Amino acid sequence: MRVVCKYNDPSNIPSDIPDNFDFGLEINKEYLVMGMLNFKKSNDLYFLVDEDGRPSWFPYQIFEIKNNNLPQSWAVKINISDDYVDYKNLMGFDELCNKEDFFNQLLERDENVMQIYFKRKIELEKN
């Protein structure tokens, strides 16, 4: 799945878009989506994309979808009753959905987890 950034600054986003994320994306730049999730305290969908080697979650509303095809290798994880997890559902590459604590380690920029992330990103970019 590929998206194009349409908004990148709190001063230029419409009022119905969450602004609790780290901006820094480039307007009109195409990004490869590495995962999608819904946080428990929000009904908004977030895309996992990265800028300058920093994967982060961004609300879907700041993007225009350029290609909506999902990789066949993606997995889904549903978390309705786990109180220790911040999200309701998660879709993405295998380790993101299936490896214990990978999600949190990715946000913490753990070196081994980042290596796996970039390996999966390279694989997806080839397709």
Protein backbone atom coordinates (compact mmCIF):
# COMPACT_ATOMS: atom_id res chain seq x y z
CA MET A 1 0.00 0.00 0.00
CA ARG A 2 1.31 3.42 -0.93
CA VAL A 3 0.11 6.84 0.20
CA VAL A 4 0.96 10.47 -0.57
CA CYS A 5 1.26 13.01 2.25
CA LYS A 6 -1.19 15.93 1.97
CA TYR A 7 -0.71 17.60 5.39
CA ASN A 8 2.44 17.83 7.50
CA ASP A 9 2.00 20.60 10.02
CA PRO A 10 -0.48 21.24 12.86
CA SER A 11 -1.21 24.67 11.36
CA ASN A 12 -2.41 23.26 8.02
CA ILE A 13 -4.51 20.24 9.01
CA PRO A 14 -8.32 20.32 9.03
CA SER A 15 -9.92 20.32 12.47
CA ASP A 16 -11.25 16.74 12.22
CA ILE A 17 -7.75 15.25 11.93
CA PRO A 18 -5.93 14.14 15.11
CA ASP A 19 -2.86 16.26 15.78
CA ASN A 20 -1.23 14.08 18.44
CA PHE A 21 1.52 12.70 16.23
CA ASP A 22 5.05 13.63 15.29
CA PHE A 23 4.93 15.67 12.10
CA GLY A 24 7.88 15.83 9.74
CA LEU A 25 6.59 14.19 6.59
CA GLU A 26 7.08 15.81 3.21
CA ILE A 27 4.01 17.10 1.37
CA ASN A 28 3.35 15.29 -1.95
CA LYS A 29 5.92 12.62 -1.11
CA GLU A 30 4.88 8.99 -1.59
CA TYR A 31 5.26 6.65 1.40
CA LEU A 32 5.09 2.89 1.75
CA VAL A 33 2.64 1.85 4.47
CA MET A 34 4.23 -0.77 6.74
CA GLY A 35 1.22 -1.29 9.01
CA MET A 36 -2.20 -0.02 10.05
CA LEU A 37 -3.85 0.19 13.46
CA ASN A 38 -6.70 1.57 15.54
CA PHE A 39 -5.81 2.71 19.04
CA LYS A 40 -8.25 1.72 21.80
CA LYS A 41 -9.06 5.32 22.76
CA SER A 42 -9.65 6.41 19.17
CA ASN A 43 -11.64 5.32 16.16
CA ASP A 44 -9.04 6.81 13.82
CA LEU A 45 -6.98 4.59 11.59
CA TYR A 46 -3.21 5.16 11.66
CA PHE A 47 -0.63 4.22 9.03
CA LEU A 48 2.93 3.20 9.89
CA VAL A 49 5.28 5.10 7.59
CA ASP A 50 8.73 6.51 8.07
CA GLU A 51 10.66 9.60 7.18
CA ASP A 52 14.44 9.55 7.40
CA GLY A 53 14.54 6.08 8.96
CA ARG A 54 12.09 6.91 11.75
CA PRO A 55 8.97 4.75 11.63
CA SER A 56 5.97 6.42 13.26
CA TRP A 57 2.18 6.19 13.28
CA PHE A 58 0.28 8.87 11.36
CA PRO A 59 -3.50 9.41 10.99
CA TYR A 60 -4.80 8.21 7.66
CA GLN A 61 -6.48 11.57 6.99
CA ILE A 62 -3.18 13.32 6.22
CA PHE A 63 -2.66 11.01 3.25
CA GLU A 64 -4.18 10.28 -0.10
CA ILE A 65 -4.10 6.60 -0.99
CA LYS A 66 -2.19 6.05 -4.21
CA ASN A 67 -2.25 2.22 -4.22
CA ASN A 68 -4.58 0.35 -1.87
CA ASN A 69 -3.21 -3.16 -2.47
CA LEU A 70 -2.11 -4.92 0.71
CA PRO A 71 0.81 -7.36 0.70
CA GLN A 72 -0.17 -11.03 0.79
CA SER A 73 2.30 -11.59 3.62
CA TRP A 74 0.54 -9.23 6.05
CA ALA A 75 -0.97 -10.52 9.28
CA VAL A 76 -3.76 -9.20 11.54
CA LYS A 77 -3.83 -9.01 15.32
CA ILE A 78 -7.03 -8.20 17.24
CA ASN A 79 -6.68 -6.93 20.82
CA ILE A 80 -10.05 -6.31 22.40
CA SER A 81 -9.49 -7.63 25.93
CA ASP A 82 -5.75 -7.22 26.54
CA ASP A 83 -5.52 -4.26 28.95
CA TYR A 84 -1.74 -3.97 28.47
CA VAL A 85 -1.98 -3.20 24.75
CA ASP A 86 -2.84 0.30 23.45
CA TYR A 87 -4.47 -0.79 20.19
CA LYS A 88 -7.66 -2.62 19.18
CA ASN A 89 -6.36 -4.09 15.96
CA LEU A 90 -3.12 -4.13 14.06
CA MET A 91 -2.25 -5.16 10.49
CA GLY A 92 1.19 -5.37 8.98
CA PHE A 93 4.24 -7.50 8.43
CA ASP A 94 4.65 -10.73 10.41
CA GLU A 95 6.84 -9.55 13.30
CA LEU A 96 4.78 -6.41 13.87
CA CYS A 97 1.65 -8.48 14.48
CA ASN A 98 3.04 -11.73 15.85
CA LYS A 99 6.25 -11.11 17.79
CA GLU A 100 5.81 -10.35 21.49
CA ASP A 101 6.53 -6.67 22.30
CA PHE A 102 7.76 -5.88 18.74
CA PHE A 103 5.26 -3.01 18.50
CA ASN A 104 6.65 -1.27 21.60
CA GLN A 105 10.26 -2.00 20.73
CA LEU A 106 9.72 -0.43 17.32
CA LEU A 107 8.46 2.76 18.94
CA GLU A 108 11.48 2.71 21.27
CA ARG A 109 13.79 2.31 18.22
CA ASP A 110 15.35 -0.93 19.49
CA GLU A 111 18.30 -1.69 17.18
CA ASN A 112 17.42 -5.35 16.47
CA VAL A 113 13.77 -4.51 15.87
CA MET A 114 14.71 -1.65 13.54
CA GLN A 115 16.86 -4.06 11.51
CA ILE A 116 13.88 -6.39 11.08
CA TYR A 117 11.64 -3.44 10.17
CA PHE A 118 14.01 -2.25 7.44
CA LYS A 119 14.47 -5.79 6.14
CA ARG A 120 10.68 -6.08 5.74
CA LYS A 121 10.50 -2.61 4.19
CA ILE A 122 13.10 -3.53 1.57
CA GLU A 123 11.14 -6.72 0.78
CA LEU A 124 7.91 -4.75 0.35
CA GLU A 125 9.56 -2.08 -1.80
CA LYS A 126 10.66 -4.77 -4.25
CA ASN A 127 7.03 -5.80 -4.84
